[in-house]
Amino acid sequence: MKHDRVVSGKRKSVNLSIDTGVIAAARDAGINLSKVSEAAILAATRAEQARRWKEENKPAMEDWNRWLERNRMPYAEHRLW
């Protein structure tokens, strides 16, 4: 299993402000607010990390694409598809 640098496995109590109607509806539906909140925060964190990675690495990816346009894919003649 791949190590996840975001998830530590430890828990910490925090205070969140959530609309009371949302809380009531979630409780009525039997939804675990902590697990859903954690999953949503994790998803948002990963999306932001991916966005930043793309932004930080954009110049390198553009350079690679220009290189490919000039030189074509290495060993392309050996591909089976």
PDB file of N, CA and C in Angstrom:
ATOM      1  N   MET A   1       0.829  -1.183   0.000  1.00  0.00           N
ATOM      2  CA  MET A   1       0.000   0.000   0.000  1.00  0.00           C
ATOM      3  C   MET A   1       0.875   1.248   0.000  1.00  0.00           C
ATOM      4  N   LYS A   2       0.524   2.207  -0.798  1.00  0.00           N
ATOM      5  CA  LYS A   2       1.284   3.439  -0.930  1.00  0.00           C
ATOM      6  C   LYS A   2       1.083   4.325   0.304  1.00  0.00           C
ATOM      7  N   HIS A   3       2.159   4.901   0.798  1.00  0.00           N
ATOM      8  CA  HIS A   3       2.077   5.790   1.950  1.00  0.00           C
ATOM      9  C   HIS A   3       1.435   7.109   1.535  1.00  0.00           C
ATOM     10  N   ASP A   4       0.464   7.538   2.313  1.00  0.00           N
ATOM     11  CA  ASP A   4      -0.223   8.809   2.057  1.00  0.00           C
ATOM     12  C   ASP A   4       0.377   9.868   2.968  1.00  0.00           C
ATOM     13  N   ARG A   5       1.018  10.862   2.380  1.00  0.00           N
ATOM     14  CA  ARG A   5       1.676  11.895   3.176  1.00  0.00           C
ATOM     15  C   ARG A   5       0.698  12.826   3.873  1.00  0.00           C
ATOM     16  N   VAL A   6      -0.562  12.814   3.478  1.00  0.00           N
ATOM     17  CA  VAL A   6      -1.549  13.691   4.094  1.00  0.00           C
ATOM     18  C   VAL A   6      -2.161  13.028   5.322  1.00  0.00           C
ATOM     19  N   VAL A   7      -2.517  11.767   5.210  1.00  0.00           N
ATOM     20  CA  VAL A   7      -3.230  11.069   6.276  1.00  0.00           C
ATOM     21  C   VAL A   7      -2.228  10.542   7.296  1.00  0.00           C
ATOM     22  N   SER A   8      -2.410  10.929   8.572  1.00  0.00           N
ATOM     23  CA  SER A   8      -1.493  10.499   9.624  1.00  0.00           C
ATOM     24  C   SER A   8      -2.039   9.333  10.433  1.00  0.00           C
ATOM     25  N   GLY A   9      -3.356   9.148  10.429  1.00  0.00           N
ATOM     26  CA  GLY A   9      -3.965   8.111  11.246  1.00  0.00           C
ATOM     27  C   GLY A   9      -4.322   8.586  12.636  1.00  0.00           C
ATOM     28  N   LYS A  10      -3.867   9.762  13.012  1.00  0.00           N
ATOM     29  CA  LYS A  10      -4.169  10.334  14.324  1.00  0.00           C
ATOM     30  C   LYS A  10      -5.398  11.227  14.198  1.00  0.00           C
ATOM     31  N   ARG A  11      -6.067  11.469  15.296  1.00  0.00           N
ATOM     32  CA  ARG A  11      -7.263  12.312  15.307  1.00  0.00           C
ATOM     33  C   ARG A  11      -7.045  13.508  16.219  1.00  0.00           C
ATOM     34  N   LYS A  12      -7.661  14.632  15.857  1.00  0.00           N
ATOM     35  CA  LYS A  12      -7.615  15.854  16.663  1.00  0.00           C
ATOM     36  C   LYS A  12      -8.995  16.487  16.619  1.00  0.00           C
ATOM     37  N   SER A  13      -9.499  16.872  17.770  1.00  0.00           N
ATOM     38  CA  SER A  13     -10.788  17.551  17.831  1.00  0.00           C
ATOM     39  C   SER A  13     -10.627  18.976  17.331  1.00  0.00           C
ATOM     40  N   VAL A  14     -11.571  19.409  16.510  1.00  0.00           N
ATOM     41  CA  VAL A  14     -11.577  20.783  16.005  1.00  0.00           C
ATOM     42  C   VAL A  14     -13.001  21.323  16.079  1.00  0.00           C
ATOM     43  N   ASN A  15     -13.123  22.628  16.007  1.00  0.00           N
ATOM     44  CA  ASN A  15     -14.438  23.260  15.986  1.00  0.00           C
ATOM     45  C   ASN A  15     -14.753  23.693  14.562  1.00  0.00           C
ATOM     46  N   LEU A  16     -15.945  23.347  14.093  1.00  0.00           N
ATOM     47  CA  LEU A  16     -16.409  23.762  12.777  1.00  0.00           C
ATOM     48  C   LEU A  16     -17.747  24.445  12.933  1.00  0.00           C
ATOM     49  N   SER A  17     -18.012  25.421  12.112  1.00  0.00           N
ATOM     50  CA  SER A  17     -19.327  26.052  12.068  1.00  0.00           C
ATOM     51  C   SER A  17     -20.048  25.533  10.832  1.00  0.00           C
ATOM     52  N   ILE A  18     -21.143  24.814  11.071  1.00  0.00           N
ATOM     53  CA  ILE A  18     -21.915  24.216   9.989  1.00  0.00           C
ATOM     54  C   ILE A  18     -23.373  24.589  10.191  1.00  0.00           C
ATOM     55  N   ASP A  19     -24.047  24.892   9.112  1.00  0.00           N
ATOM     56  CA  ASP A  19     -25.460  25.255   9.163  1.00  0.00           C
ATOM     57  C   ASP A  19     -26.246  24.202   9.943  1.00  0.00           C
ATOM     58  N   THR A  20     -27.100  24.666  10.848  1.00  0.00           N
ATOM     59  CA  THR A  20     -27.850  23.746  11.710  1.00  0.00           C
ATOM     60  C   THR A  20     -28.783  22.845  10.914  1.00  0.00           C
ATOM     61  N   GLY A  21     -29.326  23.334   9.827  1.00  0.00           N
ATOM     62  CA  GLY A  21     -30.190  22.507   8.989  1.00  0.00           C
ATOM     63  C   GLY A  21     -29.425  21.370   8.343  1.00  0.00           C
ATOM     64  N   VAL A  22     -28.212  21.657   7.928  1.00  0.00           N
ATOM     65  CA  VAL A  22     -27.364  20.633   7.328  1.00  0.00           C
ATOM     66  C   VAL A  22     -27.032  19.566   8.363  1.00  0.00           C
ATOM     67  N   ILE A  23     -26.704  20.001   9.571  1.00  0.00           N
ATOM     68  CA  ILE A  23     -26.377  19.050  10.637  1.00  0.00           C
ATOM     69  C   ILE A  23     -27.577  18.171  10.956  1.00  0.00           C
ATOM     70  N   ALA A  24     -28.752  18.782  11.087  1.00  0.00           N
ATOM     71  CA  ALA A  24     -29.957  18.017  11.410  1.00  0.00           C
ATOM     72  C   ALA A  24     -30.276  16.997  10.319  1.00  0.00           C
ATOM     73  N   ALA A  25     -30.186  17.413   9.072  1.00  0.00           N
ATOM     74  CA  ALA A  25     -30.478  16.503   7.964  1.00  0.00           C
ATOM     75  C   ALA A  25     -29.472  15.353   7.926  1.00  0.00           C
ATOM     76  N   ALA A  26     -28.216  15.656   8.160  1.00  0.00           N
ATOM     77  CA  ALA A  26     -27.181  14.620   8.150  1.00  0.00           C
ATOM     78  C   ALA A  26     -27.408  13.631   9.291  1.00  0.00           C
ATOM     79  N   ARG A  27     -27.714  14.135  10.456  1.00  0.00           N
ATOM     80  CA  ARG A  27     -27.967  13.240  11.596  1.00  0.00           C
ATOM     81  C   ARG A  27     -29.194  12.378  11.342  1.00  0.00           C
ATOM     82  N   ASP A  28     -30.250  12.982  10.785  1.00  0.00           N
ATOM     83  CA  ASP A  28     -31.452  12.210  10.458  1.00  0.00           C
ATOM     84  C   ASP A  28     -31.145  11.092   9.467  1.00  0.00           C
ATOM     85  N   ALA A  29     -30.192  11.355   8.575  1.00  0.00           N
ATOM     86  CA  ALA A  29     -29.814  10.357   7.569  1.00  0.00           C
ATOM     87  C   ALA A  29     -28.782   9.366   8.092  1.00  0.00           C
ATOM     88  N   GLY A  30     -28.339   9.564   9.346  1.00  0.00           N
ATOM     89  CA  GLY A  30     -27.351   8.664   9.927  1.00  0.00           C
ATOM     90  C   GLY A  30     -25.950   8.861   9.400  1.00  0.00           C
ATOM     91  N   ILE A  31     -25.659  10.061   8.940  1.00  0.00           N
ATOM     92  CA  ILE A  31     -24.346  10.362   8.361  1.00  0.00           C
ATOM     93  C   ILE A  31     -23.362  10.748   9.464  1.00  0.00           C
ATOM     94  N   ASN A  32     -22.167  10.187   9.405  1.00  0.00           N
ATOM     95  CA  ASN A  32     -21.106  10.514  10.346  1.00  0.00           C
ATOM     96  C   ASN A  32     -20.455  11.819   9.882  1.00  0.00           C
ATOM     97  N   LEU A  33     -20.744  12.901  10.599  1.00  0.00           N
ATOM     98  CA  LEU A  33     -20.250  14.221  10.191  1.00  0.00           C
ATOM     99  C   LEU A  33     -18.731  14.292  10.170  1.00  0.00           C
ATOM    100  N   SER A  34     -18.080  13.656  11.118  1.00  0.00           N
ATOM    101  CA  SER A  34     -16.615  13.696  11.163  1.00  0.00           C
ATOM    102  C   SER A  34     -16.010  13.023   9.934  1.00  0.00           C
ATOM    103  N   LYS A  35     -16.501  11.850   9.597  1.00  0.00           N
ATOM    104  CA  LYS A  35     -15.944  11.123   8.444  1.00  0.00           C
ATOM    105  C   LYS A  35     -16.217  11.855   7.128  1.00  0.00           C
ATOM    106  N   VAL A  36     -17.424  12.391   6.980  1.00  0.00           N
ATOM    107  CA  VAL A  36     -17.758  13.114   5.749  1.00  0.00           C
ATOM    108  C   VAL A  36     -16.940  14.396   5.648  1.00  0.00           C
ATOM    109  N   SER A  37     -16.796  15.101   6.767  1.00  0.00           N
ATOM    110  CA  SER A  37     -15.997  16.332   6.769  1.00  0.00           C
ATOM    111  C   SER A  37     -14.547  16.036   6.435  1.00  0.00           C
ATOM    112  N   GLU A  38     -13.998  14.989   7.051  1.00  0.00           N
ATOM    113  CA  GLU A  38     -12.612  14.617   6.788  1.00  0.00           C
ATOM    114  C   GLU A  38     -12.410  14.248   5.321  1.00  0.00           C
ATOM    115  N   ALA A  39     -13.333  13.475   4.776  1.00  0.00           N
ATOM    116  CA  ALA A  39     -13.221  13.072   3.369  1.00  0.00           C
ATOM    117  C   ALA A  39     -13.287  14.284   2.441  1.00  0.00           C
ATOM    118  N   ALA A  40     -14.175  15.222   2.746  1.00  0.00           N
ATOM    119  CA  ALA A  40     -14.299  16.421   1.903  1.00  0.00           C
ATOM    120  C   ALA A  40     -13.063  17.299   2.006  1.00  0.00           C
ATOM    121  N   ILE A  41     -12.527  17.458   3.202  1.00  0.00           N
ATOM    122  CA  ILE A  41     -11.315  18.266   3.385  1.00  0.00           C
ATOM    123  C   ILE A  41     -10.138  17.594   2.690  1.00  0.00           C
ATOM    124  N   LEU A  42     -10.047  16.271   2.794  1.00  0.00           N
ATOM    125  CA  LEU A  42      -8.974  15.538   2.122  1.00  0.00           C
ATOM    126  C   LEU A  42      -9.075  15.691   0.608  1.00  0.00           C
ATOM    127  N   ALA A  43     -10.280  15.570   0.075  1.00  0.00           N
ATOM    128  CA  ALA A  43     -10.466  15.720  -1.374  1.00  0.00           C
ATOM    129  C   ALA A  43     -10.085  17.130  -1.832  1.00  0.00           C
ATOM    130  N   ALA A  44     -10.494  18.139  -1.060  1.00  0.00           N
ATOM    131  CA  ALA A  44     -10.159  19.527  -1.408  1.00  0.00           C
ATOM    132  C   ALA A  44      -8.648  19.747  -1.316  1.00  0.00           C
ATOM    133  N   THR A  45      -8.018  19.155  -0.319  1.00  0.00           N
ATOM    134  CA  THR A  45      -6.573  19.291  -0.146  1.00  0.00           C
ATOM    135  C   THR A  45      -5.827  18.664  -1.315  1.00  0.00           C
ATOM    136  N   ARG A  46      -6.234  17.461  -1.694  1.00  0.00           N
ATOM    137  CA  ARG A  46      -5.578  16.793  -2.826  1.00  0.00           C
ATOM    138  C   ARG A  46      -5.785  17.554  -4.131  1.00  0.00           C
ATOM    139  N   ALA A  47      -6.979  18.099  -4.322  1.00  0.00           N
ATOM    140  CA  ALA A  47      -7.245  18.879  -5.533  1.00  0.00           C
ATOM    141  C   ALA A  47      -6.351  20.114  -5.572  1.00  0.00           C
ATOM    142  N   GLU A  48      -6.188  20.776  -4.432  1.00  0.00           N
ATOM    143  CA  GLU A  48      -5.331  21.968  -4.384  1.00  0.00           C
ATOM    144  C   GLU A  48      -3.869  21.596  -4.588  1.00  0.00           C
ATOM    145  N   GLN A  49      -3.434  20.482  -4.003  1.00  0.00           N
ATOM    146  CA  GLN A  49      -2.054  20.034  -4.211  1.00  0.00           C
ATOM    147  C   GLN A  49      -1.803  19.728  -5.682  1.00  0.00           C
ATOM    148  N   ALA A  50      -2.753  19.090  -6.342  1.00  0.00           N
ATOM    149  CA  ALA A  50      -2.610  18.782  -7.765  1.00  0.00           C
ATOM    150  C   ALA A  50      -2.566  20.058  -8.589  1.00  0.00           C
ATOM    151  N   ARG A  51      -3.424  21.015  -8.257  1.00  0.00           N
ATOM    152  CA  ARG A  51      -3.437  22.288  -8.982  1.00  0.00           C
ATOM    153  C   ARG A  51      -2.088  22.987  -8.840  1.00  0.00           C
ATOM    154  N   ARG A  52      -1.564  23.017  -7.617  1.00  0.00           N
ATOM    155  CA  ARG A  52      -0.268  23.672  -7.385  1.00  0.00           C
ATOM    156  C   ARG A  52       0.857  22.950  -8.111  1.00  0.00           C
ATOM    157  N   TRP A  53       0.826  21.603  -8.102  1.00  0.00           N
ATOM    158  CA  TRP A  53       1.862  20.842  -8.791  1.00  0.00           C
ATOM    159  C   TRP A  53       1.860  21.189 -10.273  1.00  0.00           C
ATOM    160  N   LYS A  54       0.673  21.227 -10.871  1.00  0.00           N
ATOM    161  CA  LYS A  54       0.568  21.557 -12.298  1.00  0.00           C
ATOM    162  C   LYS A  54       1.095  22.962 -12.570  1.00  0.00           C
ATOM    163  N   GLU A  55       0.756  23.896 -11.688  1.00  0.00           N
ATOM    164  CA  GLU A  55       1.213  25.276 -11.859  1.00  0.00           C
ATOM    165  C   GLU A  55       2.730  25.365 -11.726  1.00  0.00           C
ATOM    166  N   GLU A  56       3.295  24.713 -10.719  1.00  0.00           N
ATOM    167  CA  GLU A  56       4.734  24.758 -10.484  1.00  0.00           C
ATOM    168  C   GLU A  56       5.517  24.042 -11.581  1.00  0.00           C
ATOM    169  N   ASN A  57       4.939  23.024 -12.171  1.00  0.00           N
ATOM    170  CA  ASN A  57       5.642  22.221 -13.172  1.00  0.00           C
ATOM    171  C   ASN A  57       5.252  22.553 -14.609  1.00  0.00           C
ATOM    172  N   LYS A  58       4.413  23.564 -14.784  1.00  0.00           N
ATOM    173  CA  LYS A  58       3.968  23.931 -16.123  1.00  0.00           C
ATOM    174  C   LYS A  58       5.129  24.243 -17.066  1.00  0.00           C
ATOM    175  N   PRO A  59       6.129  25.028 -16.641  1.00  0.00           N
ATOM    176  CA  PRO A  59       7.247  25.304 -17.561  1.00  0.00           C
ATOM    177  C   PRO A  59       7.967  24.028 -18.013  1.00  0.00           C
ATOM    178  N   ALA A  60       8.173  23.098 -17.121  1.00  0.00           N
ATOM    179  CA  ALA A  60       8.854  21.851 -17.492  1.00  0.00           C
ATOM    180  C   ALA A  60       8.002  21.036 -18.459  1.00  0.00           C
ATOM    181  N   MET A  61       6.699  20.987 -18.218  1.00  0.00           N
ATOM    182  CA  MET A  61       5.811  20.232 -19.117  1.00  0.00           C
ATOM    183  C   MET A  61       5.765  20.884 -20.503  1.00  0.00           C
ATOM    184  N   GLU A  62       5.763  22.215 -20.547  1.00  0.00           N
ATOM    185  CA  GLU A  62       5.777  22.913 -21.832  1.00  0.00           C
ATOM    186  C   GLU A  62       7.083  22.648 -22.568  1.00  0.00           C
ATOM    187  N   ASP A  63       8.213  22.659 -21.830  1.00  0.00           N
ATOM    188  CA  ASP A  63       9.507  22.337 -22.449  1.00  0.00           C
ATOM    189  C   ASP A  63       9.507  20.927 -23.009  1.00  0.00           C
ATOM    190  N   TRP A  64       8.971  19.976 -22.237  1.00  0.00           N
ATOM    191  CA  TRP A  64       8.903  18.579 -22.695  1.00  0.00           C
ATOM    192  C   TRP A  64       8.050  18.473 -23.948  1.00  0.00           C
ATOM    193  N   ASN A  65       6.903  19.150 -23.974  1.00  0.00           N
ATOM    194  CA  ASN A  65       6.029  19.097 -25.153  1.00  0.00           C
ATOM    195  C   ASN A  65       6.713  19.688 -26.379  1.00  0.00           C
ATOM    196  N   ARG A  66       7.448  20.781 -26.193  1.00  0.00           N
ATOM    197  CA  ARG A  66       8.191  21.364 -27.317  1.00  0.00           C
ATOM    198  C   ARG A  66       9.263  20.395 -27.805  1.00  0.00           C
ATOM    199  N   TRP A  67       9.954  19.736 -26.883  1.00  0.00           N
ATOM    200  CA  TRP A  67      10.970  18.761 -27.252  1.00  0.00           C
ATOM    201  C   TRP A  67      10.346  17.626 -28.056  1.00  0.00           C
ATOM    202  N   LEU A  68       9.177  17.139 -27.603  1.00  0.00           N
ATOM    203  CA  LEU A  68       8.494  16.063 -28.326  1.00  0.00           C
ATOM    204  C   LEU A  68       8.082  16.494 -29.727  1.00  0.00           C
ATOM    205  N   GLU A  69       7.640  17.740 -29.866  1.00  0.00           N
ATOM    206  CA  GLU A  69       7.255  18.232 -31.191  1.00  0.00           C
ATOM    207  C   GLU A  69       8.451  18.238 -32.141  1.00  0.00           C
ATOM    208  N   ARG A  70       9.609  18.590 -31.621  1.00  0.00           N
ATOM    209  CA  ARG A  70      10.810  18.632 -32.455  1.00  0.00           C
ATOM    210  C   ARG A  70      11.413  17.248 -32.695  1.00  0.00           C
ATOM    211  N   ASN A  71      11.394  16.386 -31.698  1.00  0.00           N
ATOM    212  CA  ASN A  71      12.141  15.132 -31.755  1.00  0.00           C
ATOM    213  C   ASN A  71      11.289  13.875 -31.819  1.00  0.00           C
ATOM    214  N   ARG A  72      10.012  13.994 -31.665  1.00  0.00           N
ATOM    215  CA  ARG A  72       9.028  12.925 -31.563  1.00  0.00           C
ATOM    216  C   ARG A  72       9.335  12.011 -30.387  1.00  0.00           C
ATOM    217  N   MET A  73       8.397  11.137 -30.077  1.00  0.00           N
ATOM    218  CA  MET A  73       8.502  10.258 -28.911  1.00  0.00           C
ATOM    219  C   MET A  73       9.667   9.292 -29.097  1.00  0.00           C
ATOM    220  N   PRO A  74      10.535   9.187 -28.085  1.00  0.00           N
ATOM    221  CA  PRO A  74      11.636   8.233 -28.198  1.00  0.00           C
ATOM    222  C   PRO A  74      11.118   6.809 -28.421  1.00  0.00           C
ATOM    223  N   TYR A  75      11.739   6.112 -29.312  1.00  0.00           N
ATOM    224  CA  TYR A  75      11.413   4.719 -29.635  1.00  0.00           C
ATOM    225  C   TYR A  75       9.993   4.549 -30.180  1.00  0.00           C
ATOM    226  N   ALA A  76       9.436   5.591 -30.740  1.00  0.00           N
ATOM    227  CA  ALA A  76       8.071   5.511 -31.279  1.00  0.00           C
ATOM    228  C   ALA A  76       7.961   4.425 -32.348  1.00  0.00           C
ATOM    229  N   GLU A  77       9.025   4.206 -33.090  1.00  0.00           N
ATOM    230  CA  GLU A  77       8.969   3.203 -34.153  1.00  0.00           C
ATOM    231  C   GLU A  77       8.858   1.775 -33.601  1.00  0.00           C
ATOM    232  N   HIS A  78       9.094   1.600 -32.310  1.00  0.00           N
ATOM    233  CA  HIS A  78       9.014   0.278 -31.703  1.00  0.00           C
ATOM    234  C   HIS A  78       7.676   0.010 -30.998  1.00  0.00           C
ATOM    235  N   ARG A  79       6.784   0.972 -31.029  1.00  0.00           N
ATOM    236  CA  ARG A  79       5.488   0.795 -30.374  1.00  0.00           C
ATOM    237  C   ARG A  79       4.642  -0.196 -31.152  1.00  0.00           C
ATOM    238  N   LEU A  80       3.802  -0.912 -30.424  1.00  0.00           N
ATOM    239  CA  LEU A  80       2.952  -1.922 -31.041  1.00  0.00           C
ATOM    240  C   LEU A  80       1.570  -1.396 -31.374  1.00  0.00           C
ATOM    241  N   TRP A  81       1.216  -0.213 -30.967  1.00  0.00           N
ATOM    242  CA  TRP A  81      -0.103   0.312 -31.278  1.00  0.00           C
ATOM    243  C   TRP A  81      -0.057   1.475 -32.199  1.00  0.00           C
TER     244      TRP A  81
END
